[in-house]
C-alpha atoms as a PDB file:
ATOM      1  CA  UNK A   1       0.000   0.000   0.000  1.00  0.00           C
ATOM      2  CA  UNK A   2       1.090   3.490  -0.754  1.00  0.00           C
ATOM      3  CA  UNK A   3       0.435   6.041   1.941  1.00  0.00           C
ATOM      4  CA  UNK A   4      -0.433   9.463   0.603  1.00  0.00           C
ATOM      5  CA  UNK A   5       1.451  12.276   2.262  1.00  0.00           C
ATOM      6  CA  UNK A   6      -0.563  15.089   3.719  1.00  0.00           C
ATOM      7  CA  UNK A   7       0.480  18.349   2.154  1.00  0.00           C
ATOM      8  CA  UNK A   8      -0.426  21.447   4.122  1.00  0.00           C
ATOM      9  CA  UNK A   9      -1.248  24.562   2.200  1.00  0.00           C
ATOM     10  CA  UNK A  10       0.883  27.549   3.071  1.00  0.00           C
ATOM     11  CA  UNK A  11      -2.181  29.606   3.990  1.00  0.00           C
ATOM     12  CA  UNK A  12      -3.274  26.982   6.527  1.00  0.00           C
ATOM     13  CA  UNK A  13       0.131  26.951   8.187  1.00  0.00           C
ATOM     14  CA  UNK A  14       0.306  30.756   8.220  1.00  0.00           C
ATOM     15  CA  UNK A  15      -3.155  30.930   9.782  1.00  0.00           C
ATOM     16  CA  UNK A  16      -2.265  28.387  12.459  1.00  0.00           C
ATOM     17  CA  UNK A  17       0.983  30.201  13.259  1.00  0.00           C
ATOM     18  CA  UNK A  18      -0.883  33.512  13.409  1.00  0.00           C
ATOM     19  CA  UNK A  19      -3.325  32.039  15.919  1.00  0.00           C
ATOM     20  CA  UNK A  20      -0.370  30.924  18.043  1.00  0.00           C
ATOM     21  CA  UNK A  21       1.244  34.374  17.884  1.00  0.00           C
ATOM     22  CA  UNK A  22      -2.033  36.089  18.773  1.00  0.00           C
ATOM     23  CA  UNK A  23      -2.367  33.786  21.773  1.00  0.00           C
ATOM     24  CA  UNK A  24       1.138  34.710  22.952  1.00  0.00           C
ATOM     25  CA  UNK A  25       0.311  38.418  22.732  1.00  0.00           C
ATOM     26  CA  UNK A  26       3.633  39.437  21.171  1.00  0.00           C
ATOM     27  CA  UNK A  27       2.051  41.199  18.235  1.00  0.00           C
ATOM     28  CA  UNK A  28       1.334  44.760  17.175  1.00  0.00           C
ATOM     29  CA  UNK A  29      -1.691  45.282  14.917  1.00  0.00           C
ATOM     30  CA  UNK A  30      -2.034  48.200  12.537  1.00  0.00           C
ATOM     31  CA  UNK A  31       0.103  50.445  10.395  1.00  0.00           C
ATOM     32  CA  UNK A  32       1.167  53.083  12.917  1.00  0.00           C
ATOM     33  CA  UNK A  33       2.051  50.771  15.771  1.00  0.00           C
ATOM     34  CA  UNK A  34       3.824  48.323  13.449  1.00  0.00           C
ATOM     35  CA  UNK A  35       5.945  51.113  11.985  1.00  0.00           C
ATOM     36  CA  UNK A  36       6.769  52.269  15.496  1.00  0.00           C
ATOM     37  CA  UNK A  37       8.016  48.811  16.513  1.00  0.00           C
ATOM     38  CA  UNK A  38       9.888  48.524  13.220  1.00  0.00           C
ATOM     39  CA  UNK A  39      11.690  51.827  13.786  1.00  0.00           C
ATOM     40  CA  UNK A  40      12.568  50.821  17.352  1.00  0.00           C
ATOM     41  CA  UNK A  41      14.001  47.531  16.112  1.00  0.00           C
ATOM     42  CA  UNK A  42      11.653  45.386  18.201  1.00  0.00           C
ATOM     43  CA  UNK A  43       9.843  43.545  15.412  1.00  0.00           C
ATOM     44  CA  UNK A  44      10.967  40.164  14.094  1.00  0.00           C
ATOM     45  CA  UNK A  45       8.514  39.828  11.186  1.00  0.00           C
ATOM     46  CA  UNK A  46       6.097  42.112   9.346  1.00  0.00           C
ATOM     47  CA  UNK A  47       2.981  40.696   7.668  1.00  0.00           C
ATOM     48  CA  UNK A  48       1.286  42.811   4.980  1.00  0.00           C
ATOM     49  CA  UNK A  49      -2.097  42.109   3.391  1.00  0.00           C
ATOM     50  CA  UNK A  50      -2.434  41.804  -0.381  1.00  0.00           C
ATOM     51  CA  UNK A  51      -4.579  44.918  -0.860  1.00  0.00           C
ATOM     52  CA  UNK A  52      -2.185  47.225   0.988  1.00  0.00           C
ATOM     53  CA  UNK A  53      -1.500  50.455  -0.967  1.00  0.00           C
ATOM     54  CA  UNK A  54       1.743  50.328  -2.988  1.00  0.00           C
ATOM     55  CA  UNK A  55       3.180  53.412  -1.271  1.00  0.00           C
ATOM     56  CA  UNK A  56       2.653  51.882   2.176  1.00  0.00           C
ATOM     57  CA  UNK A  57       4.083  48.568   0.980  1.00  0.00           C
ATOM     58  CA  UNK A  58       7.264  50.183  -0.365  1.00  0.00           C
ATOM     59  CA  UNK A  59       7.693  52.308   2.784  1.00  0.00           C
ATOM     60  CA  UNK A  60       7.366  49.283   5.056  1.00  0.00           C
ATOM     61  CA  UNK A  61       9.763  47.247   2.911  1.00  0.00           C
ATOM     62  CA  UNK A  62      12.294  50.089   3.079  1.00  0.00           C
ATOM     63  CA  UNK A  63      12.079  50.339   6.885  1.00  0.00           C
ATOM     64  CA  UNK A  64      12.304  46.545   7.139  1.00  0.00           C
ATOM     65  CA  UNK A  65      15.426  46.520   4.979  1.00  0.00           C
ATOM     66  CA  UNK A  66      17.044  49.081   7.273  1.00  0.00           C
ATOM     67  CA  UNK A  67      16.027  47.148  10.392  1.00  0.00           C
ATOM     68  CA  UNK A  68      17.003  43.771   8.835  1.00  0.00           C
ATOM     69  CA  UNK A  69      13.484  42.446   9.421  1.00  0.00           C
ATOM     70  CA  UNK A  70      11.637  39.995   7.178  1.00  0.00           C
ATOM     71  CA  UNK A  71       8.419  40.974   5.394  1.00  0.00           C
ATOM     72  CA  UNK A  72       5.771  38.380   4.550  1.00  0.00           C
ATOM     73  CA  UNK A  73       3.106  39.246   1.969  1.00  0.00           C
ATOM     74  CA  UNK A  74      -0.130  37.618   3.156  1.00  0.00           C
ATOM     75  CA  UNK A  75      -2.081  36.152   0.247  1.00  0.00           C
ATOM     76  CA  UNK A  76      -5.489  37.376   1.489  1.00  0.00           C
ATOM     77  CA  UNK A  77      -7.024  40.811   1.864  1.00  0.00           C
ATOM     78  CA  UNK A  78      -7.124  42.865   5.051  1.00  0.00           C
ATOM     79  CA  UNK A  79     -10.460  41.232   5.928  1.00  0.00           C
ATOM     80  CA  UNK A  80      -8.846  37.787   5.650  1.00  0.00           C
ATOM     81  CA  UNK A  81      -5.854  38.860   7.724  1.00  0.00           C
ATOM     82  CA  UNK A  82      -8.139  40.169  10.463  1.00  0.00           C
ATOM     83  CA  UNK A  83     -10.061  36.889  10.464  1.00  0.00           C
ATOM     84  CA  UNK A  84      -6.797  34.907  10.613  1.00  0.00           C
ATOM     85  CA  UNK A  85      -5.810  36.951  13.673  1.00  0.00           C
ATOM     86  CA  UNK A  86      -9.140  36.153  15.302  1.00  0.00           C
ATOM     87  CA  UNK A  87     -10.307  39.757  15.202  1.00  0.00           C
ATOM     88  CA  UNK A  88     -13.610  41.092  13.918  1.00  0.00           C
ATOM     89  CA  UNK A  89     -12.010  44.071  12.191  1.00  0.00           C
ATOM     90  CA  UNK A  90      -9.703  44.576   9.221  1.00  0.00           C
ATOM     91  CA  UNK A  91      -5.940  44.293   9.758  1.00  0.00           C
ATOM     92  CA  UNK A  92      -3.772  45.686   6.991  1.00  0.00           C
ATOM     93  CA  UNK A  93      -0.439  45.110   8.661  1.00  0.00           C
ATOM     94  CA  UNK A  94       0.899  43.421  11.760  1.00  0.00           C
ATOM     95  CA  UNK A  95       4.255  43.153  13.431  1.00  0.00           C
ATOM     96  CA  UNK A  96       5.437  40.119  15.391  1.00  0.00           C
ATOM     97  CA  UNK A  97       7.608  41.181  18.322  1.00  0.00           C
END
């Protein structure tokens, strides 16, 4: 018999990791607070939604390059990112501390 391997989709793993991070509380939701943590050098990872404005996206990527922080582009919209965080509002950007 051949056992089929279970392949997890990347969105499922991201969502499960986001739930874990939200439970830990080491997260900063929103554009202003995420930029603040990025400038202070506290953030480890930035997650941007897919419908983020291009100017905001380039600004965040520039700050992340200076701070040597990784940026992950979430495949869903800001509504999907908010739902993945377990919130009932839109989240355009979040910073993991």
